[in-house]
C-alpha atoms as a PDB file:
ATOM      1  CA  MET A   1      -5.504 -18.126   3.227  1.00  0.00           C
ATOM      2  CA  ILE A   2      -9.128 -18.659   4.189  1.00  0.00           C
ATOM      3  CA  LYS A   3      -9.903 -20.979   7.095  1.00  0.00           C
ATOM      4  CA  LEU A   4     -13.539 -22.083   7.286  1.00  0.00           C
ATOM      5  CA  GLU A   5     -14.756 -23.114  10.721  1.00  0.00           C
ATOM      6  CA  ASP A   6     -18.090 -24.020  12.266  1.00  0.00           C
ATOM      7  CA  TRP A   7     -20.004 -21.149  13.857  1.00  0.00           C
ATOM      8  CA  LYS A   8     -19.949 -21.413  17.655  1.00  0.00           C
ATOM      9  CA  LYS A   9     -22.483 -19.436  19.667  1.00  0.00           C
ATOM     10  CA  ASP A  10     -20.161 -18.925  22.613  1.00  0.00           C
ATOM     11  CA  ALA A  11     -17.156 -17.832  20.529  1.00  0.00           C
ATOM     12  CA  ASP A  12     -16.131 -14.182  20.241  1.00  0.00           C
ATOM     13  CA  TYR A  13     -15.595 -13.194  16.599  1.00  0.00           C
ATOM     14  CA  ASP A  14     -14.054 -10.038  15.137  1.00  0.00           C
ATOM     15  CA  ARG A  15     -16.851  -9.107  12.751  1.00  0.00           C
ATOM     16  CA  LEU A  16     -15.198  -6.003  11.332  1.00  0.00           C
ATOM     17  CA  GLY A  17     -11.804  -7.499  10.639  1.00  0.00           C
ATOM     18  CA  LEU A  18      -9.753  -4.848  12.403  1.00  0.00           C
ATOM     19  CA  GLU A  19      -7.222  -7.417  13.603  1.00  0.00           C
ATOM     20  CA  GLU A  20      -5.324  -9.706  11.250  1.00  0.00           C
ATOM     21  CA  GLU A  21      -4.335 -13.247  12.102  1.00  0.00           C
ATOM     22  CA  TYR A  22      -1.188 -14.753  10.607  1.00  0.00           C
ATOM     23  CA  ILE A  23      -0.087 -18.330  10.037  1.00  0.00           C
ATOM     24  CA  GLU A  24       3.386 -19.450   9.073  1.00  0.00           C
ATOM     25  CA  TYR A  25       4.002 -21.569   5.952  1.00  0.00           C
ATOM     26  CA  LEU A  26       7.524 -22.553   4.971  1.00  0.00           C
ATOM     27  CA  GLY A  27       8.973 -19.726   7.039  1.00  0.00           C
ATOM     28  CA  ASN A  28       6.674 -17.058   5.580  1.00  0.00           C
ATOM     29  CA  LYS A  29       3.922 -15.268   7.482  1.00  0.00           C
ATOM     30  CA  VAL A  30       0.628 -15.417   5.578  1.00  0.00           C
ATOM     31  CA  VAL A  31      -2.605 -13.620   6.460  1.00  0.00           C
ATOM     32  CA  CYS A  32      -5.216 -16.126   7.604  1.00  0.00           C
ATOM     33  CA  HIS A  33      -8.871 -15.125   7.363  1.00  0.00           C
ATOM     34  CA  SER A  34     -10.957 -17.256   9.735  1.00  0.00           C
ATOM     35  CA  LEU A  35     -14.547 -17.363   8.561  1.00  0.00           C
ATOM     36  CA  PRO A  36     -17.181 -18.849  10.863  1.00  0.00           C
ATOM     37  CA  ILE A  37     -19.781 -20.572   8.694  1.00  0.00           C
ATOM     38  CA  ARG A  38     -23.315 -21.722   9.426  1.00  0.00           C
ATOM     39  CA  PRO A  39     -24.998 -24.470   7.411  1.00  0.00           C
ATOM     40  CA  GLY A  40     -26.788 -23.306   4.281  1.00  0.00           C
ATOM     41  CA  ARG A  41     -24.651 -20.223   3.621  1.00  0.00           C
ATOM     42  CA  ASN A  42     -23.309 -19.354   0.184  1.00  0.00           C
ATOM     43  CA  LEU A  43     -19.623 -20.188   0.552  1.00  0.00           C
ATOM     44  CA  ALA A  44     -18.686 -18.859  -2.884  1.00  0.00           C
ATOM     45  CA  VAL A  45     -19.958 -15.359  -2.089  1.00  0.00           C
ATOM     46  CA  ILE A  46     -18.424 -15.389   1.403  1.00  0.00           C
ATOM     47  CA  CYS A  47     -14.990 -16.455   0.112  1.00  0.00           C
ATOM     48  CA  GLU A  48     -15.127 -14.003  -2.803  1.00  0.00           C
ATOM     49  CA  THR A  49     -15.965 -11.151  -0.432  1.00  0.00           C
ATOM     50  CA  ALA A  50     -13.035 -12.087   1.802  1.00  0.00           C
ATOM     51  CA  ALA A  51     -10.745 -12.191  -1.255  1.00  0.00           C
ATOM     52  CA  VAL A  52     -11.894  -8.754  -2.468  1.00  0.00           C
ATOM     53  CA  ASN A  53     -11.428  -7.321   1.031  1.00  0.00           C
ATOM     54  CA  HIS A  54      -7.907  -8.797   1.191  1.00  0.00           C
ATOM     55  CA  ARG A  55      -7.069  -7.330  -2.228  1.00  0.00           C
ATOM     56  CA  GLN A  56      -8.312  -3.894  -1.175  1.00  0.00           C
ATOM     57  CA  LYS A  57      -6.135  -4.029   1.951  1.00  0.00           C
ATOM     58  CA  LYS A  58      -3.109  -4.884  -0.193  1.00  0.00           C
ATOM     59  CA  MET A  59      -3.914  -1.877  -2.398  1.00  0.00           C
ATOM     60  CA  GLY A  60      -4.117   0.448   0.619  1.00  0.00           C
ATOM     61  CA  TYR A  61      -7.851   0.644   1.379  1.00  0.00           C
ATOM     62  CA  ASN A  62      -9.044  -0.959   4.612  1.00  0.00           C
ATOM     63  CA  ALA A  63     -12.851  -0.967   4.682  1.00  0.00           C
ATOM     64  CA  ALA A  64     -12.996  -2.020   8.348  1.00  0.00           C
ATOM     65  CA  GLN A  65     -10.807   0.876   9.477  1.00  0.00           C
ATOM     66  CA  GLU A  66     -12.789   3.297   7.317  1.00  0.00           C
ATOM     67  CA  LEU A  67     -16.078   2.109   8.835  1.00  0.00           C
ATOM     68  CA  TYR A  68     -14.632   2.373  12.347  1.00  0.00           C
ATOM     69  CA  ARG A  69     -13.335   5.889  11.608  1.00  0.00           C
ATOM     70  CA  ARG A  70     -16.735   7.025  10.282  1.00  0.00           C
ATOM     71  CA  VAL A  71     -18.645   5.595  13.239  1.00  0.00           C
ATOM     72  CA  GLN A  72     -16.253   7.262  15.694  1.00  0.00           C
ATOM     73  CA  ALA A  73     -16.580  10.580  13.840  1.00  0.00           C
ATOM     74  CA  ASN A  74     -20.392  10.371  13.937  1.00  0.00           C
ATOM     75  CA  MET A  75     -20.371   9.508  17.635  1.00  0.00           C
ATOM     76  CA  THR A  76     -18.066  12.434  18.390  1.00  0.00           C
ATOM     77  CA  LYS A  77     -20.251  14.722  16.290  1.00  0.00           C
ATOM     78  CA  SER A  78     -23.380  13.566  18.170  1.00  0.00           C
ATOM     79  CA  ASP A  79     -21.702  14.149  21.543  1.00  0.00           C
ATOM     80  CA  ASP A  80     -20.665  17.672  20.514  1.00  0.00           C
ATOM     81  CA  GLU A  81     -24.230  18.573  19.479  1.00  0.00           C
ATOM     82  CA  GLU A  82     -25.708  17.648  22.877  1.00  0.00           C
END
């Protein structure tokens, strides 16, 4: 499920998507993707990207975790070189 909400400057958003939010429908837990939207943005592309990301997670590839892993590896590598 995709929940569109207005962008709030003072809100704290998980931009990588490392944590999943769930909502319950008819006794079933369903993943809920909250997308903060600003006026003038291309909603079709934003929703399609969220859908592709969800599909990849279901198939075993989590892009957010992979990005986090690579950044941590590069930071560790940089610390070791100093």
